[in-house]
Amino acid sequence: MIYWLMQQLRGDNAPPLASVRAILAFVFAFSAVLASGNFIIRNLHRRGFRDLPRTYMESFANSKSGTPTMGGLIIVFGIFVSSGLMCDLSKPAVALMLLSTIFFAGVGAVDDLLKIRSRSSDGGLSRRTKLLAQGGFGLFFAIITLNGSTSPFLTGNPAGVDARTLLNLPIYTQLTGYQPDIGILCYGILIVIVFLTVANAINLLDGLDGLTSVPTAFTFAFYGILAYFLSRANFATDLQLVPFTWSSEVAIYASAVVGALTGFLWFNCYPAEVFMGDTGSLSLGGTAAAVCILTKHEFMFLIVGGIFLYTFISTMVQDIVGLKILGRRMQYRAPAHHLYQHLGWSETKVAMRYWIVSLMFALLGLACVIGIPRIGGNKSVPATPPPIRAVR
């Protein structure tokens, strides 16, 4: 609505300034979360949607038993309100991000509801069911983004390059300007893997008051800045990236997510009034995966989301290497943030140190995108250019 009004005030068909809309998207998402937060929390509590700590975590979580969960509904509401007001909803990229948020929030909500109904934190969807649902959506996303008739990468591209299957390799691409073309099959598999890993990595970090909100906000802030650079042909060319004018909508959507997370932290900081639950953590993970793919910087998540990667690896080592292969624990607790609690760190200390480290990772990622092309020089023609296909 506000997007349309801003366009009418300009008196032409040009989209309103992305930078202004991104700021307003943050403000509207933050305001929507603050305005609706108490109402949603009261209703979650009244309906009995309350947290149930696992048995082995009772020593840490007794004081939190009964805290309302499924607070991710507040985040999703803020994102929807803000993106609906500030994004150009006619752009396919916006529809893909909205679908990602809705689908993964739905999977998380079903998981949360099953846990509440069974009165057990282990009574939700099975791991196999969740992976199949996430992988299925990843396959759907791959079909849409790689198909010649529906791919957003074939529109709004001033360079006239078919970038659907071009791969950005962190640091290497920034230094050389080379983007290998890995083909539709390999890129489709990559998209499915991105959804499976990113969504679950963010989901696994959820567990302490305020722990997930800030690192996730830093990650979306990085990808929002990157998307804004991609929307400006001069910036993108200077950074040796393929520009897409519609990626400004990705920046605005990412800004809305950051605003919603900032507002949610108001209620989720220690001591938390509400937990996001899988409804929130999975929806954020699915949205983050979509944004990684739409900015074509999937592997940059390994740097920017380093804290999520660490959490993911620590959990896999415990579950697969330790319990399934060796038949014993490899560490006292998993994910790693519970290990630090076991070692005597307070909850707030764990959360704040994770925040600090996640900020460092986000800044490192920004330095890779912005700084390394300056060091390597502006190579307008790569030494070994990838095969380029003209857009039909």
Protein backbone atom coordinates (compact mmCIF):
# COMPACT_ATOMS: atom_id res chain seq x y z
CA MET A 1 0.00 0.00 0.00
CA ILE A 2 2.64 2.55 1.03
CA TYR A 3 4.81 1.39 -1.88
CA TRP A 4 1.93 2.25 -4.24
CA LEU A 5 1.37 5.64 -2.56
CA MET A 6 5.07 6.51 -2.81
CA GLN A 7 5.01 5.56 -6.48
CA GLN A 8 1.99 7.80 -7.09
CA LEU A 9 3.67 10.71 -5.34
CA ARG A 10 6.67 10.35 -7.65
CA GLY A 11 4.34 10.68 -10.63
CA ASP A 12 6.10 8.00 -12.70
CA ASN A 13 6.52 4.24 -12.85
CA ALA A 14 9.98 4.22 -11.27
CA PRO A 15 10.14 2.38 -7.93
CA PRO A 16 10.57 4.55 -4.82
CA LEU A 17 14.05 4.80 -3.35
CA ALA A 18 15.10 1.43 -1.97
CA SER A 19 17.16 2.96 0.84
CA VAL A 20 14.14 4.90 2.16
CA ARG A 21 11.86 1.88 1.86
CA ALA A 22 14.41 -0.31 3.67
CA ILE A 23 14.52 2.09 6.62
CA LEU A 24 10.73 2.29 6.72
CA ALA A 25 10.49 -1.52 6.45
CA PHE A 26 12.61 -1.83 9.59
CA VAL A 27 10.51 0.76 11.43
CA PHE A 28 7.16 -0.79 10.43
CA ALA A 29 8.26 -4.34 11.30
CA PHE A 30 9.61 -3.20 14.68
CA SER A 31 6.44 -1.22 15.40
CA ALA A 32 4.14 -4.08 14.33
CA VAL A 33 5.96 -6.51 16.63
CA LEU A 34 5.83 -4.14 19.61
CA ALA A 35 2.15 -3.38 19.00
CA SER A 36 1.09 -7.03 18.69
CA GLY A 37 3.56 -8.70 21.03
CA ASN A 38 1.70 -8.52 24.33
CA PHE A 39 -1.61 -9.51 22.72
CA ILE A 40 -0.11 -12.59 21.04
CA ILE A 41 1.83 -13.60 24.16
CA ARG A 42 -1.30 -13.41 26.33
CA ASN A 43 -3.23 -15.54 23.85
CA LEU A 44 -0.45 -18.13 23.61
CA HIS A 45 -0.38 -18.39 27.40
CA ARG A 46 -4.17 -18.58 27.66
CA ARG A 47 -4.35 -21.38 25.09
CA GLY A 48 -1.66 -23.40 26.86
CA PHE A 49 1.05 -23.02 24.21
CA ARG A 50 3.86 -23.20 26.74
CA ASP A 51 7.43 -24.42 26.66
CA LEU A 52 8.40 -27.89 27.90
CA PRO A 53 12.15 -28.24 28.61
CA ARG A 54 13.84 -31.56 27.84
CA THR A 55 14.55 -33.80 30.83
CA TYR A 56 18.35 -33.46 30.61
CA MET A 57 18.02 -29.65 30.56
CA GLU A 58 15.79 -29.33 33.62
CA SER A 59 18.66 -28.10 35.80
CA PHE A 60 18.98 -25.07 33.54
CA ALA A 61 15.35 -24.54 32.49
CA ASN A 62 13.17 -25.13 35.55
CA SER A 63 12.50 -21.40 35.93
CA LYS A 64 11.36 -21.23 32.28
CA SER A 65 8.84 -24.04 32.35
CA GLY A 66 5.47 -22.67 31.28
CA THR A 67 6.84 -19.71 29.30
CA PRO A 68 4.72 -19.23 26.15
CA THR A 69 6.26 -20.64 22.98
CA MET A 70 5.42 -20.26 19.26
CA GLY A 71 6.43 -16.60 19.59
CA GLY A 72 7.67 -16.86 16.02
CA LEU A 73 4.12 -15.86 15.10
CA ILE A 74 5.01 -12.35 16.30
CA ILE A 75 8.06 -12.25 14.02
CA VAL A 76 6.13 -13.55 11.01
CA PHE A 77 3.36 -10.99 11.62
CA GLY A 78 5.88 -8.14 11.70
CA ILE A 79 7.54 -9.36 8.49
CA PHE A 80 4.21 -9.66 6.69
CA VAL A 81 2.97 -6.23 7.72
CA SER A 82 6.21 -4.49 6.77
CA SER A 83 6.86 -6.31 3.49
CA GLY A 84 3.23 -5.87 2.47
CA LEU A 85 3.55 -2.12 2.96
CA MET A 86 7.02 -1.51 1.54
CA CYS A 87 7.84 -4.22 -1.03
CA ASP A 88 6.83 -4.38 -4.67
CA LEU A 89 4.65 -7.47 -4.41
CA SER A 90 4.64 -7.94 -8.17
CA LYS A 91 8.29 -9.04 -8.12
CA PRO A 92 8.77 -12.86 -8.17
CA ALA A 93 11.59 -12.59 -5.62
CA VAL A 94 9.19 -11.13 -3.04
CA ALA A 95 6.71 -13.96 -3.63
CA LEU A 96 9.49 -16.54 -3.20
CA MET A 97 10.61 -15.02 0.10
CA LEU A 98 7.04 -14.81 1.40
CA LEU A 99 6.43 -18.44 0.43
CA SER A 100 9.63 -19.48 2.22
CA THR A 101 8.59 -17.66 5.39
CA ILE A 102 5.05 -19.12 5.29
CA PHE A 103 6.08 -22.69 4.52
CA PHE A 104 8.82 -22.98 7.12
CA ALA A 105 6.71 -21.19 9.73
CA GLY A 106 3.98 -23.75 9.01
CA VAL A 107 6.36 -26.70 9.45
CA GLY A 108 7.64 -25.17 12.69
CA ALA A 109 4.11 -24.50 13.96
CA VAL A 110 3.05 -28.11 13.35
CA ASP A 111 6.17 -29.28 15.18
CA ASP A 112 5.47 -26.97 18.13
CA LEU A 113 1.81 -27.99 18.33
CA LEU A 114 2.68 -31.69 18.36
CA LYS A 115 5.17 -31.11 21.17
CA ILE A 116 2.56 -29.23 23.19
CA ARG A 117 -0.10 -31.87 22.57
CA SER A 118 2.21 -34.74 23.56
CA ARG A 119 3.55 -32.79 26.56
CA SER A 120 7.09 -33.63 25.44
CA SER A 121 9.83 -31.63 23.73
CA ASP A 122 10.68 -34.75 21.74
CA GLY A 123 7.09 -35.36 20.63
CA GLY A 124 7.11 -33.14 17.54
CA LEU A 125 7.65 -34.03 13.90
CA SER A 126 10.29 -36.68 13.29
CA ARG A 127 13.63 -35.56 11.91
CA ARG A 128 12.96 -37.45 8.68
CA THR A 129 9.58 -35.74 8.19
CA LYS A 130 11.07 -32.29 8.69
CA LEU A 131 13.96 -32.99 6.33
CA LEU A 132 11.60 -34.31 3.66
CA ALA A 133 9.39 -31.21 3.95
CA GLN A 134 12.36 -28.86 3.82
CA GLY A 135 14.00 -30.73 0.95
CA GLY A 136 10.71 -30.78 -0.96
CA PHE A 137 10.38 -27.02 -0.66
CA GLY A 138 14.02 -26.64 -1.71
CA LEU A 139 13.26 -28.67 -4.84
CA PHE A 140 10.24 -26.46 -5.57
CA PHE A 141 12.37 -23.34 -5.08
CA ALA A 142 15.03 -24.75 -7.42
CA ILE A 143 12.48 -25.46 -10.15
CA ILE A 144 11.09 -21.92 -9.96
CA THR A 145 14.45 -20.12 -9.86
CA LEU A 146 16.14 -22.22 -12.55
CA ASN A 147 13.26 -22.57 -15.01
CA GLY A 148 13.66 -20.35 -18.03
CA SER A 149 10.07 -19.05 -17.88
CA THR A 150 9.87 -18.32 -14.13
CA SER A 151 13.42 -17.54 -13.01
CA PRO A 152 13.87 -14.05 -11.51
CA PHE A 153 17.50 -14.15 -12.64
CA LEU A 154 16.42 -13.62 -16.27
CA THR A 155 14.75 -10.27 -15.53
CA GLY A 156 15.99 -6.91 -14.30
CA ASN A 157 19.53 -7.75 -15.35
CA PRO A 158 21.26 -4.74 -17.01
CA ALA A 159 24.26 -6.92 -17.90
CA GLY A 160 22.10 -9.23 -20.02
CA VAL A 161 23.72 -12.31 -18.48
CA ASP A 162 21.97 -15.61 -17.79
CA ALA A 163 23.18 -15.91 -14.21
CA ARG A 164 20.89 -18.73 -13.10
CA THR A 165 23.68 -21.27 -12.63
CA LEU A 166 26.66 -18.99 -12.01
CA LEU A 167 28.28 -19.64 -8.65
CA ASN A 168 29.92 -17.08 -6.38
CA LEU A 169 32.87 -18.50 -4.44
CA PRO A 170 33.76 -16.39 -1.37
CA ILE A 171 37.05 -14.51 -1.67
CA TYR A 172 38.05 -16.31 -4.90
CA THR A 173 35.30 -14.69 -6.97
CA GLN A 174 35.98 -11.34 -5.31
CA LEU A 175 39.69 -11.57 -6.22
CA THR A 176 39.39 -12.93 -9.76
CA GLY A 177 35.90 -11.99 -10.91
CA TYR A 178 35.41 -15.61 -12.02
CA GLN A 179 32.01 -17.27 -11.50
CA PRO A 180 31.91 -20.92 -12.60
CA ASP A 181 28.79 -22.16 -14.37
CA ILE A 182 27.88 -25.43 -12.62
CA GLY A 183 24.80 -26.29 -14.66
CA ILE A 184 21.13 -26.63 -13.73
CA LEU A 185 21.36 -30.08 -12.11
CA CYS A 186 24.25 -29.22 -9.79
CA TYR A 187 22.79 -25.82 -8.91
CA GLY A 188 19.42 -27.42 -8.17
CA ILE A 189 21.07 -29.87 -5.79
CA LEU A 190 22.92 -26.96 -4.19
CA ILE A 191 19.65 -25.09 -3.57
CA VAL A 192 18.14 -28.12 -1.80
CA ILE A 193 21.27 -28.47 0.34
CA VAL A 194 21.18 -24.78 1.23
CA PHE A 195 17.62 -25.04 2.50
CA LEU A 196 18.41 -28.15 4.54
CA THR A 197 21.56 -26.76 6.14
CA VAL A 198 20.72 -23.08 6.65
CA ALA A 199 17.22 -23.71 8.01
CA ASN A 200 18.41 -26.34 10.48
CA ALA A 201 21.56 -24.45 11.49
CA ILE A 202 19.49 -21.44 12.58
CA ASN A 203 16.91 -23.73 14.19
CA LEU A 204 19.60 -25.46 16.28
CA LEU A 205 20.89 -22.17 17.70
CA ASP A 206 17.54 -21.45 19.33
CA GLY A 207 17.67 -22.43 22.99
CA LEU A 208 18.57 -19.47 25.23
CA ASP A 209 16.92 -16.11 25.85
CA GLY A 210 17.76 -13.73 23.00
CA LEU A 211 20.43 -16.06 21.61
CA THR A 212 19.03 -16.55 18.11
CA SER A 213 17.57 -13.11 17.42
CA VAL A 214 20.77 -11.05 17.28
CA PRO A 215 23.02 -13.37 15.19
CA THR A 216 20.13 -13.89 12.76
CA ALA A 217 19.57 -10.13 12.55
CA PHE A 218 23.29 -9.60 11.75
CA THR A 219 23.07 -12.24 9.01
CA PHE A 220 20.01 -10.64 7.41
CA ALA A 221 21.61 -7.19 7.73
CA PHE A 222 24.63 -8.45 5.77
CA TYR A 223 22.50 -9.98 3.02
CA GLY A 224 20.32 -6.87 2.92
CA ILE A 225 23.36 -4.66 2.32
CA LEU A 226 24.62 -7.10 -0.31
CA ALA A 227 21.23 -7.14 -2.05
CA TYR A 228 21.22 -3.33 -2.12
CA PHE A 229 24.65 -3.35 -3.80
CA LEU A 230 23.37 -5.87 -6.36
CA SER A 231 20.44 -3.59 -7.20
CA ARG A 232 22.77 -0.77 -8.24
CA ALA A 233 24.55 -1.58 -11.50
CA ASN A 234 27.49 0.70 -10.73
CA PHE A 235 28.04 -0.82 -7.28
CA ALA A 236 27.62 -4.38 -8.54
CA THR A 237 30.03 -3.87 -11.43
CA ASP A 238 32.59 -2.30 -9.11
CA LEU A 239 32.31 -5.36 -6.85
CA GLN A 240 32.51 -7.73 -9.85
CA LEU A 241 28.98 -9.02 -9.34
CA VAL A 242 26.06 -9.50 -11.75
CA PRO A 243 23.48 -6.76 -11.02
CA PHE A 244 19.74 -7.32 -10.62
CA THR A 245 17.47 -4.31 -10.22
CA TRP A 246 14.83 -6.36 -8.35
CA SER A 247 17.30 -7.31 -5.60
CA SER A 248 16.40 -4.01 -3.92
CA GLU A 249 13.21 -5.84 -2.86
CA VAL A 250 15.38 -8.51 -1.22
CA ALA A 251 17.16 -5.75 0.70
CA ILE A 252 13.84 -4.33 1.87
CA TYR A 253 12.53 -7.75 2.91
CA ALA A 254 15.75 -8.44 4.81
CA SER A 255 15.39 -5.07 6.54
CA ALA A 256 11.86 -6.05 7.58
CA VAL A 257 13.21 -9.27 9.10
CA VAL A 258 15.86 -7.32 11.04
CA GLY A 259 13.16 -4.95 12.33
CA ALA A 260 10.92 -7.84 13.38
CA LEU A 261 13.81 -9.55 15.18
CA THR A 262 14.75 -6.34 16.97
CA GLY A 263 11.17 -5.97 18.15
CA PHE A 264 11.00 -9.62 19.19
CA LEU A 265 14.16 -9.18 21.27
CA TRP A 266 12.15 -6.70 23.36
CA PHE A 267 10.11 -9.66 24.62
CA ASN A 268 12.73 -12.40 24.27
CA CYS A 269 15.69 -10.84 26.10
CA TYR A 270 16.54 -12.31 29.50
CA PRO A 271 14.30 -13.21 31.26
CA ALA A 272 12.22 -14.10 28.21
CA GLU A 273 8.47 -13.47 28.17
CA VAL A 274 8.09 -15.71 25.13
CA PHE A 275 10.13 -18.17 23.06
CA MET A 276 10.11 -18.16 19.27
CA GLY A 277 9.87 -21.96 19.09
CA ASP A 278 10.35 -23.84 15.85
CA THR A 279 7.67 -21.58 14.37
CA GLY A 280 10.14 -18.74 14.54
CA SER A 281 13.51 -20.42 14.13
CA LEU A 282 12.49 -22.53 11.13
CA SER A 283 10.73 -19.61 9.42
CA LEU A 284 13.87 -17.49 9.87
CA GLY A 285 16.05 -20.34 8.61
CA GLY A 286 13.92 -20.92 5.52
CA THR A 287 13.81 -17.20 4.75
CA ALA A 288 17.58 -16.90 5.22
CA ALA A 289 18.12 -19.77 2.78
CA ALA A 290 15.90 -18.04 0.20
CA VAL A 291 17.79 -14.77 0.62
CA CYS A 292 21.16 -16.56 0.26
CA ILE A 293 20.02 -18.04 -3.05
CA LEU A 294 18.39 -14.88 -4.41
CA THR A 295 21.59 -12.90 -3.77
CA LYS A 296 23.61 -15.80 -5.28
CA HIS A 297 25.94 -15.84 -2.28
CA GLU A 298 25.08 -19.20 -0.79
CA PHE A 299 28.63 -20.03 0.31
CA MET A 300 29.04 -16.66 2.02
CA PHE A 301 26.78 -18.05 4.74
CA LEU A 302 29.74 -20.21 5.79
CA ILE A 303 31.47 -16.96 6.81
CA VAL A 304 28.61 -14.67 7.83
CA GLY A 305 26.73 -17.46 9.57
CA GLY A 306 29.83 -18.89 11.19
CA ILE A 307 28.16 -19.08 14.60
CA PHE A 308 25.32 -21.12 13.09
CA LEU A 309 27.81 -23.38 11.32
CA TYR A 310 29.65 -23.97 14.61
CA THR A 311 26.38 -24.89 16.32
CA PHE A 312 25.39 -27.20 13.45
CA ILE A 313 28.75 -29.01 13.45
CA SER A 314 28.80 -29.40 17.25
CA THR A 315 25.37 -31.01 17.12
CA MET A 316 26.24 -33.33 14.22
CA VAL A 317 29.43 -34.45 15.98
CA GLN A 318 27.43 -35.30 19.08
CA ASP A 319 24.50 -37.00 17.32
CA ILE A 320 26.15 -38.79 14.40
CA VAL A 321 29.83 -39.33 15.27
CA GLY A 322 29.33 -39.74 19.00
CA LEU A 323 25.99 -41.39 19.70
CA LYS A 324 25.37 -43.26 16.43
CA ILE A 325 28.89 -44.31 15.39
CA LEU A 326 30.89 -44.48 18.63
CA GLY A 327 27.96 -45.06 20.96
CA ARG A 328 28.98 -42.39 23.47
CA ARG A 329 28.87 -38.64 23.96
CA MET A 330 31.64 -36.60 22.37
CA GLN A 331 30.87 -33.60 24.60
CA TYR A 332 28.86 -32.93 27.74
CA ARG A 333 26.03 -31.11 25.95
CA ALA A 334 24.95 -30.21 22.44
CA PRO A 335 24.34 -27.78 20.83
CA ALA A 336 27.45 -25.93 21.99
CA HIS A 337 25.63 -23.12 23.85
CA HIS A 338 24.33 -25.70 26.33
CA LEU A 339 27.88 -27.02 26.71
CA TYR A 340 29.01 -23.58 27.87
CA GLN A 341 26.15 -23.50 30.36
CA HIS A 342 27.31 -26.89 31.65
CA LEU A 343 30.81 -25.43 32.07
CA GLY A 344 29.41 -22.70 34.29
CA TRP A 345 28.78 -19.73 31.99
CA SER A 346 25.65 -17.76 32.79
CA GLU A 347 22.92 -17.66 30.17
CA THR A 348 23.40 -13.95 29.48
CA LYS A 349 27.16 -14.39 29.12
CA VAL A 350 26.69 -17.15 26.54
CA ALA A 351 24.17 -15.08 24.59
CA MET A 352 26.23 -11.87 24.58
CA ARG A 353 29.45 -13.63 23.59
CA TYR A 354 27.61 -15.32 20.74
CA TRP A 355 26.31 -11.88 19.71
CA ILE A 356 29.85 -10.48 19.66
CA VAL A 357 31.23 -13.36 17.61
CA SER A 358 28.32 -13.20 15.15
CA LEU A 359 28.96 -9.48 14.63
CA MET A 360 32.60 -10.24 13.84
CA PHE A 361 31.54 -12.86 11.29
CA ALA A 362 29.10 -10.43 9.64
CA LEU A 363 31.78 -7.73 9.39
CA LEU A 364 34.23 -10.27 7.99
CA GLY A 365 31.72 -11.22 5.31
CA LEU A 366 31.17 -7.57 4.45
CA ALA A 367 34.93 -7.08 4.16
CA CYS A 368 35.12 -10.03 1.76
CA VAL A 369 32.44 -8.55 -0.51
CA ILE A 370 33.51 -4.90 -0.36
CA GLY A 371 37.20 -4.91 0.50
CA ILE A 372 38.71 -7.81 -1.44
CA PRO A 373 37.71 -6.52 -4.92
CA ARG A 374 39.57 -3.30 -4.01
CA ILE A 375 42.65 -5.31 -3.07
CA GLY A 376 42.51 -7.52 -6.13
CA GLY A 377 41.75 -4.66 -8.48
CA ASN A 378 38.73 -4.13 -10.72
CA LYS A 379 38.88 -6.91 -13.31
CA SER A 380 36.15 -6.02 -15.76
CA VAL A 381 37.04 -9.10 -17.84
CA PRO A 382 37.99 -12.22 -15.81
CA ALA A 383 41.15 -14.06 -16.84
CA THR A 384 39.12 -17.22 -17.36
CA PRO A 385 35.59 -16.03 -18.06
CA PRO A 386 32.67 -18.42 -17.52
CA PRO A 387 30.49 -19.43 -20.44
CA ILE A 388 27.90 -16.66 -20.78
CA ARG A 389 24.50 -17.23 -22.31
CA ALA A 390 22.51 -14.26 -23.56
CA VAL A 391 19.10 -13.70 -22.08
CA ARG A 392 16.37 -14.55 -24.55
